[in-house]
Amino acid sequence: MVKLFCAIVGVAGSAFPVDIDPDQLVGDLKDAIKGENPATITCDAKDLQVFLAKMEGSAWLDGAGAAAVALDERGHPQGFVQMDPTLWIKNPKHFGDNFQPGEGQVHVLVVVPGHVRVDIGGTASRALKYKLPGRSLIVC
């Protein structure tokens, strides 16, 4: 088992642990994420989008870094790699065979359909151009 810390994009202080076997699929991780947050995540687990919480060549995010993640026009965290639900957790594209989580790290960013945080730095009317179909908009 490995303990991965996950954070829901757009929800400050939302980091939570998920225990998962490295031989399980990313799709199983989605099920575990939903299981840990039944009141917060009301969509099907298959509809969650999960991303590695680090950019290529950089360190894992911490809680503050995860809270500051911005979404692009498609509703994806900018610069982060989406995890493939058909691949194992231990796949080299994700965590690899010898992954050892560290204290204070966030490993997985979770985008929940219908929940988007957009930091517009301006007016609410300006925010409407960033609203994505089928998603609610939380203006910060």
N, C-alpha and C. Protein backbone atom coordinates (compact mmCIF):
# COMPACT_ATOMS: atom_id res chain seq x y z
N MET A 1 0.84 -1.19 0.00
CA MET A 1 0.00 0.00 0.00
C MET A 1 0.88 1.25 0.00
N VAL A 2 0.37 2.26 -0.66
CA VAL A 2 1.03 3.56 -0.65
C VAL A 2 -0.03 4.58 -0.25
N LYS A 3 0.38 5.59 0.50
CA LYS A 3 -0.53 6.65 0.92
C LYS A 3 -0.29 7.85 0.02
N LEU A 4 -1.30 8.18 -0.79
CA LEU A 4 -1.23 9.34 -1.67
C LEU A 4 -2.09 10.44 -1.06
N PHE A 5 -1.57 11.66 -1.08
CA PHE A 5 -2.38 12.79 -0.66
C PHE A 5 -2.97 13.44 -1.90
N CYS A 6 -4.26 13.67 -1.84
CA CYS A 6 -5.02 14.24 -2.95
C CYS A 6 -5.60 15.57 -2.50
N ALA A 7 -5.83 16.48 -3.46
CA ALA A 7 -6.46 17.77 -3.16
C ALA A 7 -7.44 18.08 -4.26
N ILE A 8 -8.61 18.57 -3.86
CA ILE A 8 -9.62 18.97 -4.83
C ILE A 8 -9.27 20.37 -5.31
N VAL A 9 -9.11 20.52 -6.61
CA VAL A 9 -8.72 21.81 -7.19
C VAL A 9 -9.81 22.84 -6.90
N GLY A 10 -9.40 23.99 -6.39
CA GLY A 10 -10.32 25.07 -6.10
C GLY A 10 -10.88 25.05 -4.70
N VAL A 11 -10.48 24.07 -3.89
CA VAL A 11 -10.98 23.98 -2.51
C VAL A 11 -9.77 24.04 -1.57
N ALA A 12 -9.56 25.20 -0.97
CA ALA A 12 -8.42 25.37 -0.06
C ALA A 12 -8.55 24.43 1.13
N GLY A 13 -7.44 23.85 1.54
CA GLY A 13 -7.43 22.96 2.69
C GLY A 13 -8.11 21.63 2.46
N SER A 14 -8.20 21.20 1.21
CA SER A 14 -8.95 19.98 0.89
C SER A 14 -8.08 18.73 0.81
N ALA A 15 -6.80 18.81 1.16
CA ALA A 15 -5.92 17.64 1.03
C ALA A 15 -6.38 16.52 1.96
N PHE A 16 -6.38 15.30 1.44
CA PHE A 16 -6.80 14.13 2.20
C PHE A 16 -6.01 12.93 1.71
N PRO A 17 -5.78 11.94 2.60
CA PRO A 17 -5.02 10.76 2.20
C PRO A 17 -5.91 9.67 1.60
N VAL A 18 -5.32 8.92 0.68
CA VAL A 18 -5.96 7.73 0.12
C VAL A 18 -4.92 6.62 0.12
N ASP A 19 -5.25 5.50 0.73
CA ASP A 19 -4.38 4.32 0.70
C ASP A 19 -4.74 3.47 -0.50
N ILE A 20 -3.75 3.14 -1.32
CA ILE A 20 -4.00 2.35 -2.53
C ILE A 20 -2.79 1.48 -2.82
N ASP A 21 -3.04 0.33 -3.38
CA ASP A 21 -1.97 -0.58 -3.77
C ASP A 21 -1.38 -0.10 -5.09
N PRO A 22 -0.07 -0.04 -5.22
CA PRO A 22 0.55 0.41 -6.47
C PRO A 22 0.18 -0.44 -7.69
N ASP A 23 -0.29 -1.67 -7.45
CA ASP A 23 -0.71 -2.55 -8.55
C ASP A 23 -2.14 -2.27 -9.00
N GLN A 24 -2.82 -1.35 -8.36
CA GLN A 24 -4.17 -1.00 -8.78
C GLN A 24 -4.12 0.05 -9.88
N LEU A 25 -5.25 0.21 -10.54
CA LEU A 25 -5.35 1.16 -11.65
C LEU A 25 -5.70 2.56 -11.14
N VAL A 26 -5.41 3.55 -11.96
CA VAL A 26 -5.80 4.92 -11.65
C VAL A 26 -7.33 4.99 -11.53
N GLY A 27 -8.04 4.20 -12.31
CA GLY A 27 -9.50 4.14 -12.17
C GLY A 27 -9.92 3.71 -10.77
N ASP A 28 -9.16 2.79 -10.17
CA ASP A 28 -9.42 2.38 -8.78
C ASP A 28 -9.14 3.53 -7.82
N LEU A 29 -8.12 4.33 -8.13
CA LEU A 29 -7.81 5.51 -7.32
C LEU A 29 -8.99 6.48 -7.34
N LYS A 30 -9.61 6.66 -8.49
CA LYS A 30 -10.78 7.53 -8.59
C LYS A 30 -11.89 7.03 -7.67
N ASP A 31 -12.11 5.71 -7.66
CA ASP A 31 -13.13 5.13 -6.77
C ASP A 31 -12.79 5.42 -5.31
N ALA A 32 -11.51 5.27 -4.95
CA ALA A 32 -11.08 5.51 -3.57
C ALA A 32 -11.24 6.99 -3.20
N ILE A 33 -10.93 7.89 -4.13
CA ILE A 33 -11.08 9.32 -3.88
C ILE A 33 -12.54 9.65 -3.61
N LYS A 34 -13.43 9.14 -4.44
CA LYS A 34 -14.86 9.37 -4.23
C LYS A 34 -15.30 8.77 -2.89
N GLY A 35 -14.81 7.58 -2.57
CA GLY A 35 -15.17 6.93 -1.31
C GLY A 35 -14.75 7.71 -0.08
N GLU A 36 -13.65 8.45 -0.18
CA GLU A 36 -13.16 9.27 0.94
C GLU A 36 -13.94 10.57 1.08
N ASN A 37 -14.69 10.96 0.04
CA ASN A 37 -15.37 12.26 0.01
C ASN A 37 -16.81 12.14 -0.49
N PRO A 38 -17.63 11.29 0.08
CA PRO A 38 -18.97 11.08 -0.48
C PRO A 38 -19.86 12.32 -0.41
N ALA A 39 -19.65 13.21 0.55
CA ALA A 39 -20.47 14.41 0.64
C ALA A 39 -20.00 15.50 -0.31
N THR A 40 -18.71 15.54 -0.60
CA THR A 40 -18.14 16.57 -1.47
C THR A 40 -18.22 16.19 -2.93
N ILE A 41 -17.97 14.93 -3.22
CA ILE A 41 -17.95 14.45 -4.61
C ILE A 41 -19.21 13.65 -4.86
N THR A 42 -20.12 14.26 -5.63
CA THR A 42 -21.41 13.61 -5.87
C THR A 42 -21.54 13.03 -7.27
N CYS A 43 -20.54 13.23 -8.11
CA CYS A 43 -20.56 12.65 -9.46
C CYS A 43 -20.06 11.21 -9.40
N ASP A 44 -20.15 10.51 -10.51
CA ASP A 44 -19.57 9.17 -10.61
C ASP A 44 -18.05 9.29 -10.56
N ALA A 45 -17.40 8.30 -9.98
CA ALA A 45 -15.94 8.30 -9.89
C ALA A 45 -15.30 8.39 -11.27
N LYS A 46 -15.90 7.76 -12.26
CA LYS A 46 -15.33 7.77 -13.61
C LYS A 46 -15.26 9.17 -14.20
N ASP A 47 -16.09 10.09 -13.69
CA ASP A 47 -16.12 11.45 -14.22
C ASP A 47 -15.08 12.38 -13.57
N LEU A 48 -14.43 11.91 -12.52
CA LEU A 48 -13.36 12.70 -11.91
C LEU A 48 -12.17 12.78 -12.86
N GLN A 49 -11.50 13.90 -12.86
CA GLN A 49 -10.25 14.04 -13.61
C GLN A 49 -9.14 14.14 -12.57
N VAL A 50 -8.11 13.31 -12.74
CA VAL A 50 -7.01 13.32 -11.78
C VAL A 50 -5.70 13.63 -12.50
N PHE A 51 -4.87 14.42 -11.85
CA PHE A 51 -3.61 14.90 -12.42
C PHE A 51 -2.50 14.71 -11.40
N LEU A 52 -1.30 14.41 -11.90
CA LEU A 52 -0.14 14.38 -11.01
C LEU A 52 0.07 15.79 -10.46
N ALA A 53 0.34 15.91 -9.18
CA ALA A 53 0.46 17.22 -8.53
C ALA A 53 1.89 17.75 -8.59
N LYS A 54 2.49 17.63 -9.74
CA LYS A 54 3.80 18.24 -9.97
C LYS A 54 3.95 18.45 -11.47
N MET A 55 4.69 19.49 -11.81
CA MET A 55 5.01 19.73 -13.21
C MET A 55 6.28 18.98 -13.53
N GLU A 56 6.47 18.69 -14.81
CA GLU A 56 7.64 17.92 -15.22
C GLU A 56 8.92 18.57 -14.71
N GLY A 57 9.75 17.77 -14.04
CA GLY A 57 11.03 18.25 -13.54
C GLY A 57 10.96 19.05 -12.25
N SER A 58 9.78 19.14 -11.65
CA SER A 58 9.67 19.92 -10.41
C SER A 58 9.24 19.02 -9.26
N ALA A 59 9.20 19.59 -8.07
CA ALA A 59 8.84 18.85 -6.86
C ALA A 59 7.32 18.73 -6.74
N TRP A 60 6.91 17.81 -5.86
CA TRP A 60 5.48 17.68 -5.56
C TRP A 60 4.99 18.96 -4.92
N LEU A 61 3.74 19.32 -5.18
CA LEU A 61 3.14 20.48 -4.54
C LEU A 61 2.94 20.23 -3.05
N ASP A 62 2.87 21.31 -2.29
CA ASP A 62 2.42 21.21 -0.90
C ASP A 62 0.97 21.70 -0.87
N GLY A 63 0.38 21.78 0.30
CA GLY A 63 -1.02 22.18 0.40
C GLY A 63 -1.28 23.56 -0.17
N ALA A 64 -0.40 24.52 0.12
CA ALA A 64 -0.57 25.88 -0.38
C ALA A 64 -0.44 25.92 -1.90
N GLY A 65 0.52 25.17 -2.43
CA GLY A 65 0.69 25.11 -3.88
C GLY A 65 -0.52 24.50 -4.56
N ALA A 66 -1.08 23.46 -3.96
CA ALA A 66 -2.27 22.81 -4.53
C ALA A 66 -3.46 23.77 -4.52
N ALA A 67 -3.59 24.55 -3.45
CA ALA A 67 -4.71 25.50 -3.35
C ALA A 67 -4.61 26.61 -4.38
N ALA A 68 -3.40 26.91 -4.85
CA ALA A 68 -3.18 28.01 -5.80
C ALA A 68 -3.26 27.58 -7.26
N VAL A 69 -3.51 26.31 -7.53
CA VAL A 69 -3.54 25.81 -8.90
C VAL A 69 -4.68 26.46 -9.68
N ALA A 70 -4.37 26.94 -10.88
CA ALA A 70 -5.36 27.55 -11.76
C ALA A 70 -5.78 26.56 -12.84
N LEU A 71 -7.00 26.72 -13.33
CA LEU A 71 -7.51 25.86 -14.40
C LEU A 71 -7.42 26.60 -15.73
N ASP A 72 -7.17 25.84 -16.79
CA ASP A 72 -7.15 26.43 -18.13
C ASP A 72 -8.58 26.48 -18.69
N GLU A 73 -8.72 26.88 -19.94
CA GLU A 73 -10.04 27.03 -20.56
C GLU A 73 -10.78 25.70 -20.70
N ARG A 74 -10.09 24.57 -20.61
CA ARG A 74 -10.73 23.25 -20.68
C ARG A 74 -11.09 22.72 -19.29
N GLY A 75 -10.74 23.48 -18.27
CA GLY A 75 -11.01 23.05 -16.91
C GLY A 75 -9.96 22.12 -16.36
N HIS A 76 -8.76 22.13 -16.95
CA HIS A 76 -7.64 21.30 -16.49
C HIS A 76 -6.63 22.17 -15.75
N PRO A 77 -5.99 21.62 -14.73
CA PRO A 77 -4.92 22.38 -14.06
C PRO A 77 -3.80 22.69 -15.06
N GLN A 78 -3.41 23.93 -15.14
CA GLN A 78 -2.43 24.37 -16.12
C GLN A 78 -1.05 23.77 -15.85
N GLY A 79 -0.53 23.04 -16.85
CA GLY A 79 0.83 22.51 -16.77
C GLY A 79 0.97 21.17 -16.07
N PHE A 80 -0.14 20.54 -15.70
CA PHE A 80 -0.09 19.26 -14.99
C PHE A 80 -0.56 18.13 -15.90
N VAL A 81 0.00 16.93 -15.69
CA VAL A 81 -0.27 15.77 -16.54
C VAL A 81 -1.48 15.01 -16.01
N GLN A 82 -2.47 14.80 -16.91
CA GLN A 82 -3.64 14.02 -16.53
C GLN A 82 -3.27 12.55 -16.44
N MET A 83 -3.76 11.88 -15.40
CA MET A 83 -3.47 10.47 -15.18
C MET A 83 -4.45 9.62 -15.99
N ASP A 84 -3.94 8.55 -16.58
CA ASP A 84 -4.72 7.65 -17.42
C ASP A 84 -5.39 6.59 -16.54
N PRO A 85 -6.73 6.52 -16.53
CA PRO A 85 -7.43 5.57 -15.66
C PRO A 85 -7.17 4.11 -15.99
N THR A 86 -6.60 3.83 -17.16
CA THR A 86 -6.33 2.43 -17.55
C THR A 86 -4.93 1.97 -17.18
N LEU A 87 -4.13 2.86 -16.59
CA LEU A 87 -2.76 2.51 -16.21
C LEU A 87 -2.66 2.28 -14.70
N TRP A 88 -1.69 1.46 -14.30
CA TRP A 88 -1.45 1.21 -12.89
C TRP A 88 -0.89 2.45 -12.21
N ILE A 89 -1.08 2.50 -10.90
CA ILE A 89 -0.49 3.57 -10.09
C ILE A 89 1.03 3.55 -10.25
N LYS A 90 1.61 2.35 -10.30
CA LYS A 90 3.08 2.22 -10.38
C LYS A 90 3.64 2.43 -11.79
N ASN A 91 2.79 2.74 -12.76
CA ASN A 91 3.27 2.99 -14.11
C ASN A 91 4.28 4.15 -14.08
N PRO A 92 5.38 4.04 -14.84
CA PRO A 92 6.39 5.11 -14.85
C PRO A 92 5.83 6.49 -15.23
N LYS A 93 4.71 6.53 -15.96
CA LYS A 93 4.10 7.81 -16.31
C LYS A 93 3.44 8.46 -15.10
N HIS A 94 3.20 7.66 -14.07
CA HIS A 94 2.55 8.18 -12.87
C HIS A 94 3.53 8.24 -11.71
N PHE A 95 3.64 7.16 -10.93
CA PHE A 95 4.49 7.18 -9.74
C PHE A 95 5.70 6.27 -9.83
N GLY A 96 5.70 5.30 -10.71
CA GLY A 96 6.82 4.37 -10.83
C GLY A 96 6.80 3.31 -9.74
N ASP A 97 7.73 2.35 -9.86
CA ASP A 97 7.79 1.21 -8.93
C ASP A 97 8.25 1.58 -7.53
N ASN A 98 9.14 2.53 -7.41
CA ASN A 98 9.79 2.80 -6.12
C ASN A 98 9.35 4.11 -5.47
N PHE A 99 8.14 4.53 -5.75
CA PHE A 99 7.65 5.80 -5.21
C PHE A 99 7.58 5.77 -3.68
N GLN A 100 8.13 6.79 -3.05
CA GLN A 100 8.08 6.96 -1.60
C GLN A 100 7.52 8.36 -1.30
N PRO A 101 6.28 8.44 -0.83
CA PRO A 101 5.72 9.76 -0.54
C PRO A 101 6.44 10.44 0.61
N GLY A 102 6.50 11.76 0.54
CA GLY A 102 7.14 12.54 1.59
C GLY A 102 6.11 13.33 2.39
N GLU A 103 6.50 13.71 3.58
CA GLU A 103 5.62 14.48 4.45
C GLU A 103 5.34 15.86 3.84
N GLY A 104 4.08 16.28 3.90
CA GLY A 104 3.69 17.60 3.42
C GLY A 104 3.45 17.69 1.92
N GLN A 105 3.56 16.58 1.22
CA GLN A 105 3.38 16.58 -0.24
C GLN A 105 1.93 16.31 -0.61
N VAL A 106 1.51 16.90 -1.73
CA VAL A 106 0.25 16.55 -2.38
C VAL A 106 0.65 15.85 -3.67
N HIS A 107 0.04 14.70 -3.94
CA HIS A 107 0.44 13.87 -5.08
C HIS A 107 -0.56 13.88 -6.23
N VAL A 108 -1.83 14.10 -5.92
CA VAL A 108 -2.88 14.02 -6.94
C VAL A 108 -3.79 15.24 -6.83
N LEU A 109 -4.00 15.91 -7.97
CA LEU A 109 -4.98 17.00 -8.06
C LEU A 109 -6.26 16.41 -8.64
N VAL A 110 -7.38 16.72 -8.01
CA VAL A 110 -8.67 16.17 -8.42
C VAL A 110 -9.55 17.30 -8.92
N VAL A 111 -10.05 17.17 -10.15
CA VAL A 111 -11.01 18.11 -10.70
C VAL A 111 -12.37 17.42 -10.69
N VAL A 112 -13.31 18.04 -9.98
CA VAL A 112 -14.66 17.49 -9.84
C VAL A 112 -15.57 18.21 -10.82
N PRO A 113 -16.27 17.48 -11.71
CA PRO A 113 -17.20 18.14 -12.63
C PRO A 113 -18.24 18.95 -11.86
N GLY A 114 -18.54 20.14 -12.39
CA GLY A 114 -19.52 20.98 -11.74
C GLY A 114 -18.95 21.88 -10.67
N HIS A 115 -17.63 21.82 -10.47
CA HIS A 115 -16.99 22.64 -9.44
C HIS A 115 -15.72 23.24 -10.02
N VAL A 116 -15.76 24.51 -10.35
CA VAL A 116 -14.60 25.18 -10.93
C VAL A 116 -14.34 26.46 -10.16
N ARG A 117 -13.11 26.68 -9.77
CA ARG A 117 -12.69 27.92 -9.12
C ARG A 117 -11.89 28.69 -10.15
N VAL A 118 -12.28 29.95 -10.36
CA VAL A 118 -11.55 30.79 -11.29
C VAL A 118 -11.11 32.05 -10.56
N ASP A 119 -9.82 32.29 -10.53
CA ASP A 119 -9.29 33.51 -9.94
C ASP A 119 -9.16 34.52 -11.07
N ILE A 120 -10.10 35.45 -11.15
CA ILE A 120 -10.17 36.35 -12.30
C ILE A 120 -9.41 37.65 -12.10
N GLY A 121 -9.18 38.03 -10.86
CA GLY A 121 -8.49 39.28 -10.61
C GLY A 121 -9.24 40.46 -11.17
N GLY A 122 -10.55 40.40 -11.24
CA GLY A 122 -11.35 41.48 -11.81
C GLY A 122 -12.79 41.36 -11.38
N THR A 123 -13.69 41.73 -12.29
CA THR A 123 -15.11 41.78 -11.96
C THR A 123 -15.80 40.45 -12.21
N ALA A 124 -16.97 40.31 -11.61
CA ALA A 124 -17.76 39.09 -11.81
C ALA A 124 -18.21 38.97 -13.26
N SER A 125 -18.53 40.09 -13.91
CA SER A 125 -18.95 40.01 -15.31
C SER A 125 -17.81 39.50 -16.19
N ARG A 126 -16.59 39.85 -15.83
CA ARG A 126 -15.43 39.36 -16.57
C ARG A 126 -15.28 37.85 -16.39
N ALA A 127 -15.70 37.35 -15.24
CA ALA A 127 -15.59 35.92 -14.94
C ALA A 127 -16.45 35.08 -15.86
N LEU A 128 -17.55 35.62 -16.33
CA LEU A 128 -18.46 34.83 -17.16
C LEU A 128 -17.79 34.30 -18.42
N LYS A 129 -16.81 34.99 -18.94
CA LYS A 129 -16.13 34.48 -20.13
C LYS A 129 -15.29 33.25 -19.84
N TYR A 130 -14.99 32.99 -18.55
CA TYR A 130 -14.21 31.81 -18.17
C TYR A 130 -15.09 30.63 -17.77
N LYS A 131 -16.41 30.86 -17.65
CA LYS A 131 -17.30 29.79 -17.21
C LYS A 131 -17.35 28.70 -18.27
N LEU A 132 -17.24 27.46 -17.83
CA LEU A 132 -17.27 26.32 -18.72
C LEU A 132 -18.66 25.70 -18.70
N PRO A 133 -19.16 25.23 -19.86
CA PRO A 133 -20.48 24.60 -19.89
C PRO A 133 -20.55 23.42 -18.93
N GLY A 134 -21.65 23.32 -18.21
CA GLY A 134 -21.87 22.19 -17.32
C GLY A 134 -21.11 22.26 -16.02
N ARG A 135 -20.50 23.40 -15.72
CA ARG A 135 -19.73 23.53 -14.48
C ARG A 135 -20.17 24.78 -13.75
N SER A 136 -20.22 24.70 -12.44
CA SER A 136 -20.52 25.88 -11.65
C SER A 136 -19.26 26.74 -11.59
N LEU A 137 -19.44 27.98 -11.22
CA LEU A 137 -18.32 28.92 -11.18
C LEU A 137 -18.22 29.51 -9.79
N ILE A 138 -17.07 29.37 -9.18
CA ILE A 138 -16.81 29.98 -7.88
C ILE A 138 -15.77 31.06 -8.13
N VAL A 139 -16.16 32.30 -7.95
CA VAL A 139 -15.26 33.41 -8.23
C VAL A 139 -14.52 33.78 -6.96
N CYS A 140 -13.19 33.85 -7.06
CA CYS A 140 -12.35 34.17 -5.90
C CYS A 140 -11.66 35.49 -6.10
